[in-house]
Amino acid sequence: FATEAASAVRDHAFDVLGKRTVISLI
């Protein structure tokens, strides 16, 4: 579930919000 949801969120940041880079703090 984490990978499935997070990959959708990553693509939302790129394709809808127009971001060029995203991060995760781990």
PDB file of all heavy atoms in Angstrom:
ATOM      1  N   PHE A   1       0.817  -1.216   0.000  1.00  0.00           N
ATOM      2  CA  PHE A   1       0.000   0.000   0.000  1.00  0.00           C
ATOM      3  C   PHE A   1       0.852   1.268   0.000  1.00  0.00           C
ATOM      4  O   PHE A   1       0.513   2.252  -0.662  1.00  0.00           O
ATOM      5  CB  PHE A   1      -0.939   0.015   1.205  1.00  0.00           C
ATOM      6  CG  PHE A   1      -2.073  -0.966   1.134  1.00  0.00           C
ATOM      7  CD1 PHE A   1      -2.694  -1.404   2.290  1.00  0.00           C
ATOM      8  CD2 PHE A   1      -2.533  -1.454  -0.083  1.00  0.00           C
ATOM      9  CE1 PHE A   1      -3.760  -2.305   2.240  1.00  0.00           C
ATOM     10  CE2 PHE A   1      -3.588  -2.351  -0.144  1.00  0.00           C
ATOM     11  CZ  PHE A   1      -4.203  -2.777   1.023  1.00  0.00           C
ATOM     12  N   ALA A   2       1.962   1.268   0.757  1.00  0.00           N
ATOM     13  CA  ALA A   2       2.802   2.473   0.817  1.00  0.00           C
ATOM     14  C   ALA A   2       3.361   2.815  -0.562  1.00  0.00           C
ATOM     15  O   ALA A   2       3.301   3.969  -0.995  1.00  0.00           O
ATOM     16  CB  ALA A   2       3.932   2.279   1.824  1.00  0.00           C
ATOM     17  N   THR A   3       3.881   1.820  -1.263  1.00  0.00           N
ATOM     18  CA  THR A   3       4.445   2.068  -2.594  1.00  0.00           C
ATOM     19  C   THR A   3       3.373   2.519  -3.569  1.00  0.00           C
ATOM     20  O   THR A   3       3.573   3.463  -4.351  1.00  0.00           O
ATOM     21  CB  THR A   3       5.136   0.798  -3.122  1.00  0.00           C
ATOM     22  OG1 THR A   3       6.180   0.421  -2.207  1.00  0.00           O
ATOM     23  CG2 THR A   3       5.718   1.024  -4.499  1.00  0.00           C
ATOM     24  N   GLU A   4       2.215   1.865  -3.531  1.00  0.00           N
ATOM     25  CA  GLU A   4       1.138   2.202  -4.466  1.00  0.00           C
ATOM     26  C   GLU A   4       0.645   3.625  -4.254  1.00  0.00           C
ATOM     27  O   GLU A   4       0.486   4.395  -5.214  1.00  0.00           O
ATOM     28  CB  GLU A   4      -0.016   1.205  -4.294  1.00  0.00           C
ATOM     29  CG  GLU A   4      -1.129   1.385  -5.293  1.00  0.00           C
ATOM     30  CD  GLU A   4      -2.160   0.268  -5.225  1.00  0.00           C
ATOM     31  OE1 GLU A   4      -1.797  -0.878  -4.923  1.00  0.00           O
ATOM     32  OE2 GLU A   4      -3.352   0.566  -5.479  1.00  0.00           O
ATOM     33  N   ALA A   5       0.413   3.992  -3.010  1.00  0.00           N
ATOM     34  CA  ALA A   5      -0.083   5.342  -2.721  1.00  0.00           C
ATOM     35  C   ALA A   5       0.993   6.391  -2.944  1.00  0.00           C
ATOM     36  O   ALA A   5       0.740   7.455  -3.521  1.00  0.00           O
ATOM     37  CB  ALA A   5      -0.606   5.407  -1.287  1.00  0.00           C
ATOM     38  N   ALA A   6       2.227   6.105  -2.495  1.00  0.00           N
ATOM     39  CA  ALA A   6       3.294   7.097  -2.609  1.00  0.00           C
ATOM     40  C   ALA A   6       3.679   7.352  -4.055  1.00  0.00           C
ATOM     41  O   ALA A   6       4.024   8.484  -4.422  1.00  0.00           O
ATOM     42  CB  ALA A   6       4.515   6.651  -1.804  1.00  0.00           C
ATOM     43  N   SER A   7       3.619   6.334  -4.914  1.00  0.00           N
ATOM     44  CA  SER A   7       3.944   6.570  -6.323  1.00  0.00           C
ATOM     45  C   SER A   7       2.880   7.448  -6.984  1.00  0.00           C
ATOM     46  O   SER A   7       3.195   8.300  -7.829  1.00  0.00           O
ATOM     47  CB  SER A   7       4.117   5.250  -7.078  1.00  0.00           C
ATOM     48  OG  SER A   7       2.940   4.481  -7.060  1.00  0.00           O
ATOM     49  N   ALA A   8       1.613   7.289  -6.577  1.00  0.00           N
ATOM     50  CA  ALA A   8       0.555   8.163  -7.091  1.00  0.00           C
ATOM     51  C   ALA A   8       0.759   9.599  -6.626  1.00  0.00           C
ATOM     52  O   ALA A   8       0.575  10.552  -7.388  1.00  0.00           O
ATOM     53  CB  ALA A   8      -0.810   7.647  -6.659  1.00  0.00           C
ATOM     54  N   VAL A   9       1.178   9.754  -5.361  1.00  0.00           N
ATOM     55  CA  VAL A   9       1.427  11.093  -4.819  1.00  0.00           C
ATOM     56  C   VAL A   9       2.626  11.733  -5.511  1.00  0.00           C
ATOM     57  O   VAL A   9       2.602  12.918  -5.858  1.00  0.00           O
ATOM     58  CB  VAL A   9       1.628  11.009  -3.291  1.00  0.00           C
ATOM     59  CG1 VAL A   9       2.193  12.312  -2.735  1.00  0.00           C
ATOM     60  CG2 VAL A   9       0.308  10.670  -2.612  1.00  0.00           C
ATOM     61  N   ARG A  10       3.684  10.954  -5.725  1.00  0.00           N
ATOM     62  CA  ARG A  10       4.854  11.457  -6.452  1.00  0.00           C
ATOM     63  C   ARG A  10       4.446  11.977  -7.835  1.00  0.00           C
ATOM     64  O   ARG A  10       4.823  13.081  -8.239  1.00  0.00           O
ATOM     65  CB  ARG A  10       5.869  10.322  -6.590  1.00  0.00           C
ATOM     66  CG  ARG A  10       7.088  10.641  -7.449  1.00  0.00           C
ATOM     67  CD  ARG A  10       7.675   9.362  -8.048  1.00  0.00           C
ATOM     68  NE  ARG A  10       6.722   8.691  -8.934  1.00  0.00           N
ATOM     69  CZ  ARG A  10       6.912   7.463  -9.423  1.00  0.00           C
ATOM     70  NH1 ARG A  10       7.985   6.771  -9.098  1.00  0.00           N
ATOM     71  NH2 ARG A  10       6.005   6.930 -10.234  1.00  0.00           N
ATOM     72  N   ASP A  11       3.643  11.189  -8.559  1.00  0.00           N
ATOM     73  CA  ASP A  11       3.222  11.605  -9.885  1.00  0.00           C
ATOM     74  C   ASP A  11       2.304  12.823  -9.834  1.00  0.00           C
ATOM     75  O   ASP A  11       2.334  13.673 -10.732  1.00  0.00           O
ATOM     76  CB  ASP A  11       2.526  10.445 -10.603  1.00  0.00           C
ATOM     77  CG  ASP A  11       3.514   9.366 -11.044  1.00  0.00           C
ATOM     78  OD1 ASP A  11       4.737   9.572 -10.897  1.00  0.00           O
ATOM     79  OD2 ASP A  11       3.062   8.315 -11.535  1.00  0.00           O
ATOM     80  N   HIS A  12       1.488  12.928  -8.800  1.00  0.00           N
ATOM     81  CA  HIS A  12       0.640  14.110  -8.618  1.00  0.00           C
ATOM     82  C   HIS A  12       1.515  15.358  -8.457  1.00  0.00           C
ATOM     83  O   HIS A  12       1.230  16.412  -9.046  1.00  0.00           O
ATOM     84  CB  HIS A  12      -0.242  13.899  -7.388  1.00  0.00           C
ATOM     85  CG  HIS A  12      -1.196  15.011  -7.121  1.00  0.00           C
ATOM     86  ND1 HIS A  12      -2.379  15.177  -7.800  1.00  0.00           N
ATOM     87  CD2 HIS A  12      -1.148  16.034  -6.218  1.00  0.00           C
ATOM     88  CE1 HIS A  12      -3.030  16.231  -7.338  1.00  0.00           C
ATOM     89  NE2 HIS A  12      -2.293  16.778  -6.384  1.00  0.00           N
ATOM     90  N   ALA A  13       2.575  15.235  -7.665  1.00  0.00           N
ATOM     91  CA  ALA A  13       3.482  16.377  -7.468  1.00  0.00           C
ATOM     92  C   ALA A  13       4.122  16.797  -8.791  1.00  0.00           C
ATOM     93  O   ALA A  13       4.232  17.993  -9.083  1.00  0.00           O
ATOM     94  CB  ALA A  13       4.560  16.020  -6.451  1.00  0.00           C
ATOM     95  N   PHE A  14       4.502  15.829  -9.614  1.00  0.00           N
ATOM     96  CA  PHE A  14       5.155  16.141 -10.883  1.00  0.00           C
ATOM     97  C   PHE A  14       4.162  16.597 -11.955  1.00  0.00           C
ATOM     98  O   PHE A  14       4.356  17.624 -12.602  1.00  0.00           O
ATOM     99  CB  PHE A  14       5.904  14.909 -11.403  1.00  0.00           C
ATOM    100  CG  PHE A  14       7.120  14.531 -10.585  1.00  0.00           C
ATOM    101  CD1 PHE A  14       7.532  13.207 -10.522  1.00  0.00           C
ATOM    102  CD2 PHE A  14       7.853  15.484  -9.896  1.00  0.00           C
ATOM    103  CE1 PHE A  14       8.655  12.846  -9.788  1.00  0.00           C
ATOM    104  CE2 PHE A  14       8.969  15.133  -9.152  1.00  0.00           C
ATOM    105  CZ  PHE A  14       9.370  13.807  -9.106  1.00  0.00           C
ATOM    106  N   ASP A  15       3.100  15.824 -12.135  1.00  0.00           N
ATOM    107  CA  ASP A  15       2.230  16.001 -13.302  1.00  0.00           C
ATOM    108  C   ASP A  15       1.117  17.033 -13.088  1.00  0.00           C
ATOM    109  O   ASP A  15       0.636  17.618 -14.046  1.00  0.00           O
ATOM    110  CB  ASP A  15       1.600  14.666 -13.704  1.00  0.00           C
ATOM    111  CG  ASP A  15       2.654  13.624 -14.074  1.00  0.00           C
ATOM    112  OD1 ASP A  15       3.753  14.025 -14.488  1.00  0.00           O
ATOM    113  OD2 ASP A  15       2.373  12.420 -13.946  1.00  0.00           O
ATOM    114  N   VAL A  16       0.700  17.220 -11.836  1.00  0.00           N
ATOM    115  CA  VAL A  16      -0.383  18.164 -11.547  1.00  0.00           C
ATOM    116  C   VAL A  16       0.148  19.456 -10.931  1.00  0.00           C
ATOM    117  O   VAL A  16      -0.229  20.553 -11.341  1.00  0.00           O
ATOM    118  CB  VAL A  16      -1.449  17.513 -10.633  1.00  0.00           C
ATOM    119  CG1 VAL A  16      -2.543  18.516 -10.285  1.00  0.00           C
ATOM    120  CG2 VAL A  16      -2.040  16.275 -11.299  1.00  0.00           C
ATOM    121  N   LEU A  17       1.057  19.330  -9.957  1.00  0.00           N
ATOM    122  CA  LEU A  17       1.581  20.516  -9.283  1.00  0.00           C
ATOM    123  C   LEU A  17       2.801  21.104  -9.984  1.00  0.00           C
ATOM    124  O   LEU A  17       3.239  22.196  -9.639  1.00  0.00           O
ATOM    125  CB  LEU A  17       1.929  20.186  -7.827  1.00  0.00           C
ATOM    126  CG  LEU A  17       0.768  19.683  -6.963  1.00  0.00           C
ATOM    127  CD1 LEU A  17       1.253  19.403  -5.546  1.00  0.00           C
ATOM    128  CD2 LEU A  17      -0.376  20.688  -6.943  1.00  0.00           C
ATOM    129  N   GLY A  18       3.367  20.364 -10.948  1.00  0.00           N
ATOM    130  CA  GLY A  18       4.479  20.896 -11.715  1.00  0.00           C
ATOM    131  C   GLY A  18       5.816  20.915 -11.001  1.00  0.00           C
ATOM    132  O   GLY A  18       6.732  21.640 -11.402  1.00  0.00           O
ATOM    133  N   LYS A  19       5.967  20.121  -9.949  1.00  0.00           N
ATOM    134  CA  LYS A  19       7.241  20.070  -9.225  1.00  0.00           C
ATOM    135  C   LYS A  19       8.272  19.300 -10.037  1.00  0.00           C
ATOM    136  O   LYS A  19       7.954  18.366 -10.760  1.00  0.00           O
ATOM    137  CB  LYS A  19       7.053  19.401  -7.860  1.00  0.00           C
ATOM    138  CG  LYS A  19       6.032  20.090  -6.968  1.00  0.00           C
ATOM    139  CD  LYS A  19       6.468  21.500  -6.637  1.00  0.00           C
ATOM    140  CE  LYS A  19       5.469  22.192  -5.728  1.00  0.00           C
ATOM    141  NZ  LYS A  19       5.882  23.576  -5.403  1.00  0.00           N
ATOM    142  N   ARG A  20       9.542  19.691  -9.863  1.00  0.00           N
ATOM    143  CA  ARG A  20      10.622  19.024 -10.608  1.00  0.00           C
ATOM    144  C   ARG A  20      11.297  17.928  -9.780  1.00  0.00           C
ATOM    145  O   ARG A  20      11.856  16.982 -10.345  1.00  0.00           O
ATOM    146  CB  ARG A  20      11.664  20.045 -11.061  1.00  0.00           C
ATOM    147  CG  ARG A  20      11.099  21.097 -12.015  1.00  0.00           C
ATOM    148  CD  ARG A  20      12.188  21.775 -12.802  1.00  0.00           C
ATOM    149  NE  ARG A  20      12.937  20.840 -13.633  1.00  0.00           N
ATOM    150  CZ  ARG A  20      12.525  20.412 -14.822  1.00  0.00           C
ATOM    151  NH1 ARG A  20      11.364  20.814 -15.303  1.00  0.00           N
ATOM    152  NH2 ARG A  20      13.262  19.569 -15.505  1.00  0.00           N
ATOM    153  N   THR A  21      11.271  18.064  -8.452  1.00  0.00           N
ATOM    154  CA  THR A  21      11.930  17.100  -7.570  1.00  0.00           C
ATOM    155  C   THR A  21      11.101  16.942  -6.307  1.00  0.00           C
ATOM    156  O   THR A  21      10.497  17.909  -5.827  1.00  0.00           O
ATOM    157  CB  THR A  21      13.345  17.586  -7.176  1.00  0.00           C
ATOM    158  OG1 THR A  21      14.096  17.857  -8.357  1.00  0.00           O
ATOM    159  CG2 THR A  21      14.074  16.548  -6.340  1.00  0.00           C
ATOM    160  N   VAL A  22      11.045  15.734  -5.770  1.00  0.00           N
ATOM    161  CA  VAL A  22      10.455  15.492  -4.455  1.00  0.00           C
ATOM    162  C   VAL A  22      11.438  14.657  -3.642  1.00  0.00           C
ATOM    163  O   VAL A  22      12.317  13.986  -4.195  1.00  0.00           O
ATOM    164  CB  VAL A  22       9.094  14.769  -4.541  1.00  0.00           C
ATOM    165  CG1 VAL A  22       8.044  15.673  -5.151  1.00  0.00           C
ATOM    166  CG2 VAL A  22       9.194  13.447  -5.291  1.00  0.00           C
ATOM    167  N   ILE A  23      11.269  14.716  -2.331  1.00  0.00           N
ATOM    168  CA  ILE A  23      12.162  13.998  -1.423  1.00  0.00           C
ATOM    169  C   ILE A  23      11.356  13.130  -0.463  1.00  0.00           C
ATOM    170  O   ILE A  23      10.126  13.247  -0.383  1.00  0.00           O
ATOM    171  CB  ILE A  23      13.033  14.970  -0.598  1.00  0.00           C
ATOM    172  CG1 ILE A  23      12.140  15.803   0.364  1.00  0.00           C
ATOM    173  CG2 ILE A  23      13.858  15.875  -1.502  1.00  0.00           C
ATOM    174  CD1 ILE A  23      12.885  16.391   1.528  1.00  0.00           C
ATOM    175  N   SER A  24      12.056  12.284   0.272  1.00  0.00           N
ATOM    176  CA  SER A  24      11.522  11.629   1.463  1.00  0.00           C
ATOM    177  C   SER A  24      12.621  11.634   2.510  1.00  0.00           C
ATOM    178  O   SER A  24      13.791  11.382   2.194  1.00  0.00           O
ATOM    179  CB  SER A  24      11.071  10.193   1.174  1.00  0.00           C
ATOM    180  OG  SER A  24       9.859  10.174   0.464  1.00  0.00           O
ATOM    181  N   LEU A  25      12.253  11.955   3.741  1.00  0.00           N
ATOM    182  CA  LEU A  25      13.183  11.953   4.873  1.00  0.00           C
ATOM    183  C   LEU A  25      12.994  10.656   5.647  1.00  0.00           C
ATOM    184  O   LEU A  25      11.906  10.388   6.156  1.00  0.00           O
ATOM    185  CB  LEU A  25      12.918  13.150   5.784  1.00  0.00           C
ATOM    186  CG  LEU A  25      13.049  14.535   5.136  1.00  0.00           C
ATOM    187  CD1 LEU A  25      12.620  15.621   6.108  1.00  0.00           C
ATOM    188  CD2 LEU A  25      14.482  14.768   4.674  1.00  0.00           C
ATOM    189  N   ILE A  26      14.052   9.853   5.744  1.00  0.00           N
ATOM    190  CA  ILE A  26      13.918   8.505   6.299  1.00  0.00           C
ATOM    191  C   ILE A  26      15.062   8.240   7.272  1.00  0.00           C
ATOM    192  O   ILE A  26      16.232   8.507   6.975  1.00  0.00           O
ATOM    193  CB  ILE A  26      13.926   7.444   5.167  1.00  0.00           C
ATOM    194  CG1 ILE A  26      12.827   7.763   4.145  1.00  0.00           C
ATOM    195  CG2 ILE A  26      13.745   6.046   5.745  1.00  0.00           C
ATOM    196  CD1 ILE A  26      12.833   6.863   2.927  1.00  0.00           C
TER     197      ILE A  26
END
